[in-house]
Amino acid sequence: MKILILGAGQVGSTVAESLVNEANDITVVDQDAAKLALLQERLDLRVLTGSASHPSILEQAGIVEADMLLAVTQSDEVNMVACKLAASLYNTPTRIARIRSADYLARPELFNKDNFCVDFSICPEQILTDYITKLIEFPEALQVLQFSHGKASLVAVRAFTGGPLVGKPLSFLHTHMPQVDTRVAAIFRKDGPLIPEGSTVVEDGDEVFFIAATKNIRSVLKEMRRMDKPVRRIMIAGGGNIGRRLARALEREYQVKLIEFNKKSCERLAGELSRTLVLNGDGTDEKLMQQEGVDDVDVFCALTNDDENNIMSSLLAKQAGARKVISLINRSAYVDLVQSGKIDIALSPAQVTIGSLLAYVRKGDVAAVHSLRRGAAEALELVVHGDRQSSKVVGRRIDEIDLPKGATIGAVVRGDEVMMGHHDLVIEAEDHVIVFVINKQMVKKVEKLFQVSLGFF
């Protein structure tokens, strides 16, 4: 597939890296020649320096032959104009725009074919806000991802010594919880993946991914970990786009304090937020943190635009006694470095966002894609079409499906029913099948397996 990416920032670079590894023909456009040079050093792709909304630049970048346009620059206006040009002048089949302004997002008619011709819009800040909100709702979890409009959830937890499942085989889970149907989709041990079987024994420190109907998630979490006390007090460092959105999303149900360094921003935030206590200060100021009771905080979120400040304020908060700390980190090299230390969860905005983009790039009818383990693995929700003759999965039991090694079917959503991917479950047309792929190199084979033959059409 020929894909034109406008913008070489964190989102654009991460998407380019993911897609170029899947044998796509990628061209990246940005006004910053230095960024493009660094990107071209690492990846096998084309780059072009120039304005992403100028027709001449788009033509040089190959818009005429492009199958897809991903407009993910920092400017909403540039992204929308680029999509309009791609549709009106070049008839580009698929156009995706990054839109940050709530004012634009509140008017979806702006994106239709009579206006800016945006097929799909993504807002990384809102995606990240929703992601963090789920982590606060389930404080025991490392990741909480939803499928099929929230009917099923995939949750990652860290197993610990003394936990109900540690030291026992996975088959014990069904014996211990006969009333709740769940399935362990994958286990990562010392950063290496394991394909779970009934005899697999969970060890201390394992990262366990399990899937269940969303209504059963809390029951399953109790079996994996001690349930943490409910979250009540939250402190946010950074009042930018993400910090402001998060405070607004949480302030009705939690006690929220927000620390922002810029005084004018503080005044604006105080006017926008009704129940959040807004403080003018620095999240790395140890004295201020102590005065504001960081030792009594259930969740501390460091969400500034500065990775180093986020890391330092998170470490200070943890040392002072904050129960759980979440740190926003843009540089991927830092994420793995700090995740294994005192910081409970290190979030890469680009990795959290990328799933929303990949769902439009994947072949076949893909309803959702979630990037796992900081991009090493993926979970896909695939909608099955066809019949037994035209499809390699319809009408077959799961143990009859020739899944590539490293791919497992975690669950199947049929209407409102969530069924675990047990070996004797028969797949039917229009089922939503949730597939866990521990190695991204297998994604292409999974996509091909779920596609219907041309004869079906």
Protein backbone atom coordinates (compact mmCIF):
# COMPACT_ATOMS: atom_id res chain seq x y z
CA MET A 1 0.00 0.00 0.00
CA LYS A 2 1.26 3.50 -0.85
CA ILE A 3 0.82 5.75 2.18
CA LEU A 4 1.58 9.45 2.44
CA ILE A 5 2.19 10.67 6.01
CA LEU A 6 2.08 14.41 6.67
CA GLY A 7 3.97 15.31 9.84
CA ALA A 8 7.14 13.75 11.28
CA GLY A 9 6.31 14.35 14.95
CA GLN A 10 5.84 11.58 17.52
CA VAL A 11 2.62 10.27 16.00
CA GLY A 12 3.81 10.46 12.39
CA SER A 13 7.19 8.88 13.17
CA THR A 14 5.69 6.02 15.18
CA VAL A 15 3.09 5.25 12.51
CA ALA A 16 5.78 5.38 9.81
CA GLU A 17 7.98 2.96 11.76
CA SER A 18 5.12 0.53 12.29
CA LEU A 19 3.89 0.61 8.69
CA VAL A 20 7.27 0.52 6.95
CA ASN A 21 8.05 -2.75 8.76
CA GLU A 22 4.97 -4.23 7.08
CA ALA A 23 6.30 -3.65 3.56
CA ASN A 24 4.26 -0.54 2.78
CA ASP A 25 5.56 2.20 0.48
CA ILE A 26 5.83 5.19 2.84
CA THR A 27 6.55 8.88 2.13
CA VAL A 28 6.76 11.41 4.98
CA VAL A 29 6.38 15.18 4.51
CA ASP A 30 7.43 17.76 7.11
CA GLN A 31 8.86 21.28 7.21
CA ASP A 32 11.64 20.22 9.58
CA ALA A 33 14.46 18.80 7.42
CA ALA A 34 16.45 17.67 10.48
CA LYS A 35 13.56 15.51 11.74
CA LEU A 36 13.17 13.95 8.31
CA ALA A 37 16.89 13.21 8.05
CA LEU A 38 16.83 11.35 11.39
CA LEU A 39 13.77 9.40 10.27
CA GLN A 40 15.34 8.41 6.96
CA GLU A 41 18.49 7.23 8.74
CA ARG A 42 16.44 4.73 10.75
CA LEU A 43 13.79 3.64 8.27
CA ASP A 44 13.49 2.61 4.62
CA LEU A 45 11.16 5.36 3.38
CA ARG A 46 11.02 8.53 1.29
CA VAL A 47 10.98 12.00 2.82
CA LEU A 48 10.17 15.44 1.46
CA THR A 49 10.68 18.83 3.10
CA GLY A 50 7.84 21.30 2.58
CA SER A 51 4.39 22.48 3.58
CA ALA A 52 1.93 19.61 3.82
CA SER A 53 -0.98 21.74 2.57
CA HIS A 54 0.66 22.91 -0.69
CA PRO A 55 -0.51 21.03 -3.83
CA SER A 56 2.95 21.17 -5.40
CA ILE A 57 4.51 19.48 -2.34
CA LEU A 58 1.78 16.85 -2.22
CA GLU A 59 2.35 16.08 -5.90
CA GLN A 60 6.10 15.74 -5.38
CA ALA A 61 5.37 13.38 -2.48
CA GLY A 62 3.31 11.14 -4.78
CA ILE A 63 -0.26 11.99 -3.77
CA VAL A 64 -1.49 11.00 -7.26
CA GLU A 65 -0.61 7.31 -6.66
CA ALA A 66 -1.25 7.24 -2.90
CA ASP A 67 -3.79 4.79 -1.48
CA MET A 68 -4.01 6.60 1.84
CA LEU A 69 -3.25 10.03 3.32
CA LEU A 70 -2.44 10.32 7.03
CA ALA A 71 -2.43 14.04 7.92
CA VAL A 72 -0.98 14.14 11.44
CA THR A 73 0.82 17.50 11.60
CA GLN A 74 0.46 19.72 14.68
CA SER A 75 -1.97 21.98 12.80
CA ASP A 76 -5.65 20.97 12.50
CA GLU A 77 -6.08 23.44 9.66
CA VAL A 78 -3.17 22.03 7.62
CA ASN A 79 -4.51 18.50 8.15
CA MET A 80 -8.02 19.42 7.02
CA VAL A 81 -6.86 21.37 3.96
CA ALA A 82 -4.58 18.49 2.94
CA CYS A 83 -7.52 16.06 3.12
CA LYS A 84 -9.68 18.40 1.06
CA LEU A 85 -6.98 18.72 -1.61
CA ALA A 86 -6.40 14.96 -1.64
CA ALA A 87 -10.11 14.35 -2.27
CA SER A 88 -10.83 17.19 -4.71
CA LEU A 89 -7.69 17.20 -6.83
CA TYR A 90 -6.27 13.69 -6.56
CA ASN A 91 -9.15 11.40 -5.55
CA THR A 92 -7.10 9.73 -2.79
CA PRO A 93 -9.19 6.74 -1.58
CA THR A 94 -8.68 7.11 2.21
CA ARG A 95 -8.00 10.34 4.13
CA ILE A 96 -7.31 10.47 7.87
CA ALA A 97 -6.71 13.68 9.83
CA ARG A 98 -5.42 14.40 13.30
CA ILE A 99 -7.82 16.92 14.88
CA ARG A 100 -7.03 18.41 18.30
CA SER A 101 -9.55 21.24 18.60
CA ALA A 102 -12.72 20.35 20.52
CA ASP A 103 -14.46 23.09 18.53
CA TYR A 104 -13.87 21.22 15.27
CA LEU A 105 -14.63 17.81 16.77
CA ALA A 106 -17.98 19.10 18.06
CA ARG A 107 -19.05 19.71 14.45
CA PRO A 108 -18.67 16.37 12.60
CA GLU A 109 -20.38 17.83 9.52
CA LEU A 110 -17.14 19.75 8.87
CA PHE A 111 -15.50 16.47 7.87
CA ASN A 112 -18.08 15.19 5.37
CA LYS A 113 -17.60 15.05 1.59
CA ASP A 114 -19.21 18.46 1.08
CA ASN A 115 -16.65 20.16 3.32
CA PHE A 116 -13.15 18.95 4.25
CA CYS A 117 -13.53 15.34 3.06
CA VAL A 118 -11.98 13.70 6.13
CA ASP A 119 -12.90 10.00 6.17
CA PHE A 120 -11.68 9.46 9.73
CA SER A 121 -10.51 11.91 12.38
CA ILE A 122 -8.38 11.02 15.38
CA CYS A 123 -7.64 13.10 18.46
CA PRO A 124 -4.55 11.68 20.23
CA GLU A 125 -5.17 13.81 23.32
CA GLN A 126 -8.70 12.43 23.75
CA ILE A 127 -7.56 8.85 23.06
CA LEU A 128 -4.88 9.24 25.74
CA THR A 129 -7.35 10.81 28.18
CA ASP A 130 -9.74 7.87 27.76
CA TYR A 131 -6.84 5.45 28.19
CA ILE A 132 -5.67 7.02 31.47
CA THR A 133 -9.26 7.20 32.75
CA LYS A 134 -9.53 3.41 32.34
CA LEU A 135 -6.25 2.90 34.23
CA ILE A 136 -7.65 4.95 37.10
CA GLU A 137 -10.91 3.01 37.05
CA PHE A 138 -8.92 -0.25 37.32
CA PRO A 139 -5.85 0.75 39.39
CA GLU A 140 -4.53 -2.84 39.51
CA ALA A 141 -4.07 -2.94 35.73
CA LEU A 142 -1.12 -2.04 33.48
CA GLN A 143 -3.36 -1.78 30.40
CA VAL A 144 -7.13 -1.78 29.87
CA LEU A 145 -8.33 -2.09 26.28
CA GLN A 146 -11.89 -2.43 25.03
CA PHE A 147 -13.38 -4.21 22.03
CA SER A 148 -16.75 -4.41 20.32
CA HIS A 149 -18.05 -1.11 21.73
CA GLY A 150 -16.98 -1.97 25.27
CA LYS A 151 -18.54 -5.45 25.47
CA ALA A 152 -15.18 -7.20 25.93
CA SER A 153 -11.99 -6.00 27.62
CA LEU A 154 -8.36 -7.06 27.49
CA VAL A 155 -6.49 -6.30 30.71
CA ALA A 156 -2.79 -6.64 31.56
CA VAL A 157 -1.70 -7.16 35.18
CA ARG A 158 1.58 -7.86 36.92
CA ALA A 159 1.46 -11.12 38.89
CA PHE A 160 2.99 -10.96 42.38
CA THR A 161 4.11 -13.41 45.05
CA GLY A 162 1.14 -14.36 47.18
CA GLY A 163 -1.39 -13.64 44.43
CA PRO A 164 -4.16 -16.23 44.04
CA LEU A 165 -2.92 -17.46 40.65
CA VAL A 166 0.86 -17.31 41.16
CA GLY A 167 2.45 -20.75 41.36
CA LYS A 168 -0.62 -22.44 39.89
CA PRO A 169 -1.40 -23.61 36.33
CA LEU A 170 -3.83 -21.58 34.23
CA SER A 171 -6.32 -24.47 34.31
CA PHE A 172 -6.81 -23.59 38.00
CA LEU A 173 -8.51 -20.33 36.99
CA HIS A 174 -11.59 -22.11 35.64
CA THR A 175 -11.74 -24.43 38.66
CA HIS A 176 -11.45 -21.52 41.05
CA MET A 177 -13.93 -19.29 39.14
CA PRO A 178 -16.47 -21.60 37.48
CA GLN A 179 -19.06 -18.82 37.32
CA VAL A 180 -16.89 -16.41 35.28
CA ASP A 181 -15.62 -17.23 31.81
CA THR A 182 -12.21 -15.72 31.07
CA ARG A 183 -9.13 -16.60 29.07
CA VAL A 184 -5.45 -15.72 29.42
CA ALA A 185 -4.46 -14.52 25.96
CA ALA A 186 -0.71 -14.17 26.55
CA ILE A 187 1.97 -14.03 29.19
CA PHE A 188 5.20 -12.02 29.00
CA ARG A 189 7.97 -13.26 31.26
CA LYS A 190 11.20 -11.26 31.48
CA ASP A 191 10.11 -9.43 28.28
CA GLY A 192 9.73 -12.69 26.37
CA PRO A 193 6.31 -13.97 25.22
CA LEU A 194 4.77 -17.28 26.27
CA ILE A 195 1.83 -18.91 24.49
CA PRO A 196 -0.41 -19.88 27.40
CA GLU A 197 -1.66 -23.44 27.84
CA GLY A 198 -3.65 -25.04 30.63
CA SER A 199 -0.44 -26.37 32.20
CA THR A 200 1.39 -23.00 32.10
CA VAL A 201 2.29 -21.91 35.64
CA VAL A 202 2.11 -18.18 36.42
CA GLU A 203 5.25 -16.80 38.10
CA ASP A 204 5.93 -13.72 40.17
CA GLY A 205 6.58 -10.72 37.91
CA ASP A 206 4.76 -12.17 34.88
CA GLU A 207 2.79 -9.71 32.78
CA VAL A 208 -0.51 -11.52 32.23
CA PHE A 209 -3.00 -10.48 29.53
CA PHE A 210 -6.49 -11.81 30.09
CA ILE A 211 -9.72 -11.20 28.24
CA ALA A 212 -13.29 -11.33 29.53
CA ALA A 213 -16.67 -9.70 29.18
CA THR A 214 -16.24 -6.17 30.53
CA LYS A 215 -18.84 -6.80 33.23
CA ASN A 216 -16.60 -9.59 34.63
CA ILE A 217 -13.29 -7.71 34.65
CA ARG A 218 -13.34 -6.83 38.36
CA SER A 219 -14.04 -10.44 39.35
CA VAL A 220 -11.09 -11.69 37.29
CA LEU A 221 -8.79 -8.96 38.60
CA LYS A 222 -9.40 -10.24 42.14
CA GLU A 223 -7.95 -13.59 41.08
CA MET A 224 -4.85 -12.01 39.58
CA ARG A 225 -4.00 -9.45 42.24
CA ARG A 226 -4.97 -8.07 45.59
CA MET A 227 -7.62 -5.48 44.87
CA ASP A 228 -6.30 -1.99 45.53
CA LYS A 229 -8.31 0.45 47.59
CA PRO A 230 -10.71 2.50 45.45
CA VAL A 231 -9.15 5.61 43.96
CA ARG A 232 -10.34 8.89 45.50
CA ARG A 233 -7.52 11.43 45.31
CA ILE A 234 -5.75 12.28 42.06
CA MET A 235 -2.96 14.77 41.41
CA ILE A 236 -2.10 15.89 37.88
CA ALA A 237 1.15 17.68 36.97
CA GLY A 238 0.70 19.65 33.75
CA GLY A 239 -2.33 21.59 32.55
CA GLY A 240 -1.85 21.23 28.81
CA ASN A 241 -4.28 19.56 26.41
CA ILE A 242 -4.10 16.17 28.10
CA GLY A 243 -3.98 17.37 31.71
CA ARG A 244 -6.96 19.66 31.18
CA ARG A 245 -9.01 16.96 29.43
CA LEU A 246 -8.20 14.43 32.14
CA ALA A 247 -9.12 16.79 34.99
CA ARG A 248 -12.43 17.56 33.30
CA ALA A 249 -13.15 13.84 32.80
CA LEU A 250 -12.37 12.94 36.42
CA GLU A 251 -13.43 15.90 38.56
CA ARG A 252 -17.05 14.80 39.10
CA GLU A 253 -16.10 11.43 40.58
CA TYR A 254 -12.72 12.08 42.21
CA GLN A 255 -10.91 14.73 44.24
CA VAL A 256 -8.57 16.28 41.67
CA LYS A 257 -5.64 18.67 42.11
CA LEU A 258 -3.86 20.05 39.05
CA ILE A 259 -0.42 21.69 39.16
CA GLU A 260 0.46 24.04 36.28
CA PHE A 261 3.63 26.13 36.01
CA ASN A 262 2.28 28.91 33.76
CA LYS A 263 0.24 31.45 35.74
CA LYS A 264 -1.96 32.54 32.81
CA SER A 265 -2.74 28.92 32.02
CA CYS A 266 -3.70 28.44 35.67
CA GLU A 267 -6.21 31.28 35.47
CA ARG A 268 -7.71 29.84 32.30
CA LEU A 269 -7.89 26.33 33.79
CA ALA A 270 -9.52 27.61 36.97
CA GLY A 271 -12.26 29.16 34.82
CA GLU A 272 -12.78 26.01 32.73
CA LEU A 273 -12.73 23.41 35.52
CA SER A 274 -15.55 23.49 38.06
CA ARG A 275 -14.37 21.09 40.81
CA THR A 276 -10.62 20.76 40.25
CA LEU A 277 -8.24 22.63 42.58
CA VAL A 278 -5.77 24.38 40.26
CA LEU A 279 -2.35 25.21 41.72
CA ASN A 280 0.36 27.42 40.24
CA GLY A 281 3.68 25.65 40.68
CA ASP A 282 6.18 23.05 39.49
CA GLY A 283 5.56 19.30 39.72
CA THR A 284 9.24 18.79 40.52
CA ASP A 285 9.04 21.13 43.55
CA GLU A 286 9.33 18.69 46.44
CA LYS A 287 8.18 21.22 49.03
CA LEU A 288 5.02 22.10 47.07
CA MET A 289 4.21 18.42 46.56
CA GLN A 290 4.50 17.75 50.28
CA GLN A 291 2.35 20.77 51.13
CA GLU A 292 -0.37 19.54 48.80
CA GLY A 293 -0.40 16.05 50.33
CA VAL A 294 1.18 13.96 47.58
CA ASP A 295 1.79 11.25 50.21
CA ASP A 296 -1.99 10.78 50.45
CA VAL A 297 -2.59 10.66 46.68
CA ASP A 298 -3.99 7.46 45.13
CA VAL A 299 -2.85 8.25 41.57
CA PHE A 300 -0.27 10.82 40.46
CA CYS A 301 -0.24 11.64 36.72
CA ALA A 302 2.74 13.52 35.23
CA LEU A 303 1.44 14.92 31.93
CA THR A 304 3.64 17.88 31.00
CA ASN A 305 5.37 18.21 27.59
CA ASP A 306 8.78 17.58 29.19
CA ASP A 307 9.81 13.91 29.56
CA GLU A 308 12.50 14.62 32.13
CA ASN A 309 10.15 16.68 34.30
CA ASN A 310 7.53 13.94 34.09
CA ILE A 311 10.03 11.30 35.17
CA MET A 312 11.39 13.40 38.04
CA SER A 313 7.99 14.47 39.37
CA SER A 314 6.75 10.85 39.19
CA LEU A 315 9.78 9.59 41.11
CA LEU A 316 9.34 12.31 43.73
CA ALA A 317 5.65 11.48 44.10
CA LYS A 318 6.35 7.75 44.45
CA GLN A 319 9.10 8.35 46.98
CA ALA A 320 6.80 10.62 48.98
CA GLY A 321 4.12 7.93 49.19
CA ALA A 322 1.79 8.26 46.18
CA ARG A 323 0.18 4.84 45.68
CA LYS A 324 0.40 4.72 41.88
CA VAL A 325 2.26 6.98 39.45
CA ILE A 326 1.65 7.37 35.72
CA SER A 327 4.19 9.21 33.60
CA LEU A 328 3.73 10.51 30.05
CA ILE A 329 6.92 9.91 28.06
CA ASN A 330 7.33 10.83 24.39
CA ARG A 331 10.79 9.37 23.80
CA SER A 332 10.37 5.64 23.25
CA ALA A 333 13.88 4.89 24.56
CA TYR A 334 12.83 6.28 27.95
CA VAL A 335 9.63 4.24 28.19
CA ASP A 336 11.29 0.82 28.56
CA LEU A 337 13.94 2.34 30.81
CA VAL A 338 11.55 3.68 33.45
CA GLN A 339 8.69 1.16 33.19
CA SER A 340 10.75 -1.47 35.01
CA GLY A 341 11.65 0.89 37.86
CA LYS A 342 9.65 2.80 40.44
CA ILE A 343 7.27 4.37 37.91
CA ASP A 344 4.19 2.12 37.74
CA ILE A 345 3.09 2.98 34.19
CA ALA A 346 5.07 4.84 31.53
CA LEU A 347 2.81 5.96 28.69
CA SER A 348 3.97 6.62 25.15
CA PRO A 349 1.34 8.89 23.51
CA ALA A 350 2.23 7.67 20.05
CA GLN A 351 1.91 3.98 21.02
CA VAL A 352 -1.47 4.58 22.68
CA THR A 353 -2.69 6.45 19.58
CA ILE A 354 -1.33 4.20 16.86
CA GLY A 355 -4.02 1.54 17.23
CA SER A 356 -6.67 4.01 16.06
CA LEU A 357 -4.70 4.54 12.85
CA LEU A 358 -3.78 0.90 12.27
CA ALA A 359 -7.44 -0.12 12.22
CA TYR A 360 -7.79 1.79 8.92
CA VAL A 361 -4.59 0.38 7.42
CA ARG A 362 -5.12 -3.30 8.17
CA LYS A 363 -6.54 -5.44 5.37
CA GLY A 364 -9.94 -7.07 5.82
CA ASP A 365 -12.74 -5.80 8.05
CA VAL A 366 -10.81 -4.65 11.13
CA ALA A 367 -12.97 -3.01 13.80
CA ALA A 368 -10.15 -2.21 16.26
CA VAL A 369 -6.40 -2.54 16.72
CA HIS A 370 -4.55 -2.08 19.99
CA SER A 371 -0.78 -1.83 20.27
CA LEU A 372 0.57 -3.88 23.19
CA ARG A 373 3.86 -4.11 25.02
CA ARG A 374 4.91 -0.75 23.59
CA GLY A 375 4.43 -1.92 20.00
CA ALA A 376 5.87 -5.45 20.26
CA ALA A 377 2.46 -7.15 20.07
CA GLU A 378 -1.04 -6.39 18.83
CA ALA A 379 -4.63 -7.26 19.59
CA LEU A 380 -7.01 -7.10 16.62
CA GLU A 381 -10.78 -7.20 16.45
CA LEU A 382 -11.68 -8.73 13.08
CA VAL A 383 -15.22 -8.97 11.70
CA VAL A 384 -15.75 -12.30 9.94
CA HIS A 385 -17.60 -12.45 6.60
CA GLY A 386 -18.46 -15.11 4.05
CA ASP A 387 -19.35 -18.80 4.40
CA ARG A 388 -17.45 -22.06 4.77
CA GLN A 389 -16.50 -22.08 1.07
CA SER A 390 -15.30 -18.47 0.80
CA SER A 391 -13.74 -18.12 4.27
CA LYS A 392 -10.99 -20.06 6.04
CA VAL A 393 -12.57 -19.44 9.46
CA VAL A 394 -16.39 -19.40 9.09
CA GLY A 395 -18.07 -22.68 10.08
CA ARG A 396 -14.89 -24.01 11.68
CA ARG A 397 -13.99 -24.77 15.27
CA ILE A 398 -11.14 -22.70 16.64
CA ASP A 399 -8.88 -25.76 16.83
CA GLU A 400 -9.49 -26.31 13.09
CA ILE A 401 -8.31 -22.82 12.12
CA ASP A 402 -4.73 -22.66 10.84
CA LEU A 403 -3.56 -19.75 12.98
CA PRO A 404 0.07 -18.69 12.57
CA LYS A 405 2.33 -19.60 15.50
CA GLY A 406 2.18 -16.79 18.04
CA ALA A 407 -1.45 -15.87 17.32
CA THR A 408 -4.33 -16.90 19.57
CA ILE A 409 -8.08 -16.24 19.46
CA GLY A 410 -8.94 -14.75 22.83
CA ALA A 411 -12.68 -14.21 22.49
CA VAL A 412 -15.58 -13.98 20.07
CA VAL A 413 -18.35 -11.39 20.35
CA ARG A 414 -21.62 -12.49 18.75
CA GLY A 415 -24.32 -9.85 19.11
CA ASP A 416 -24.31 -8.96 22.81
CA GLU A 417 -22.73 -12.26 23.87
CA VAL A 418 -19.02 -12.49 24.72
CA MET A 419 -17.64 -16.02 24.36
CA MET A 420 -14.11 -17.09 25.24
CA GLY A 421 -12.00 -18.59 22.48
CA HIS A 422 -12.14 -22.22 23.63
CA HIS A 423 -10.99 -24.88 21.16
CA ASP A 424 -14.48 -26.20 20.33
CA LEU A 425 -16.15 -22.82 19.64
CA VAL A 426 -17.41 -22.62 16.02
CA ILE A 427 -16.94 -19.25 14.27
CA GLU A 428 -20.00 -17.83 12.49
CA ALA A 429 -20.35 -15.10 9.85
CA GLU A 430 -20.42 -11.55 11.29
CA ASP A 431 -18.71 -12.64 14.52
CA HIS A 432 -16.22 -10.17 15.98
CA VAL A 433 -13.10 -12.24 16.65
CA ILE A 434 -10.45 -10.85 19.01
CA VAL A 435 -7.00 -12.13 18.04
CA PHE A 436 -3.87 -11.65 20.14
CA VAL A 437 -0.60 -11.60 18.16
CA ILE A 438 2.54 -11.79 20.28
CA ASN A 439 4.79 -11.07 17.29
CA LYS A 440 3.82 -8.27 14.90
CA GLN A 441 5.50 -10.12 12.04
CA MET A 442 2.49 -12.49 12.11
CA VAL A 443 -0.12 -9.76 11.56
CA LYS A 444 -0.07 -10.06 7.76
CA LYS A 445 -0.76 -13.79 7.95
CA VAL A 446 -3.62 -13.23 10.38
CA GLU A 447 -5.15 -10.60 8.08
CA LYS A 448 -4.90 -12.93 5.09
CA LEU A 449 -6.48 -15.79 7.04
CA PHE A 450 -9.56 -13.72 7.87
CA GLN A 451 -10.12 -12.29 4.37
CA VAL A 452 -12.86 -13.79 2.19
CA SER A 453 -12.05 -15.14 -1.27
CA LEU A 454 -12.92 -13.07 -4.32
CA GLY A 455 -15.62 -15.58 -5.24
CA PHE A 456 -17.69 -14.39 -2.28
CA PHE A 457 -18.26 -11.02 -3.98
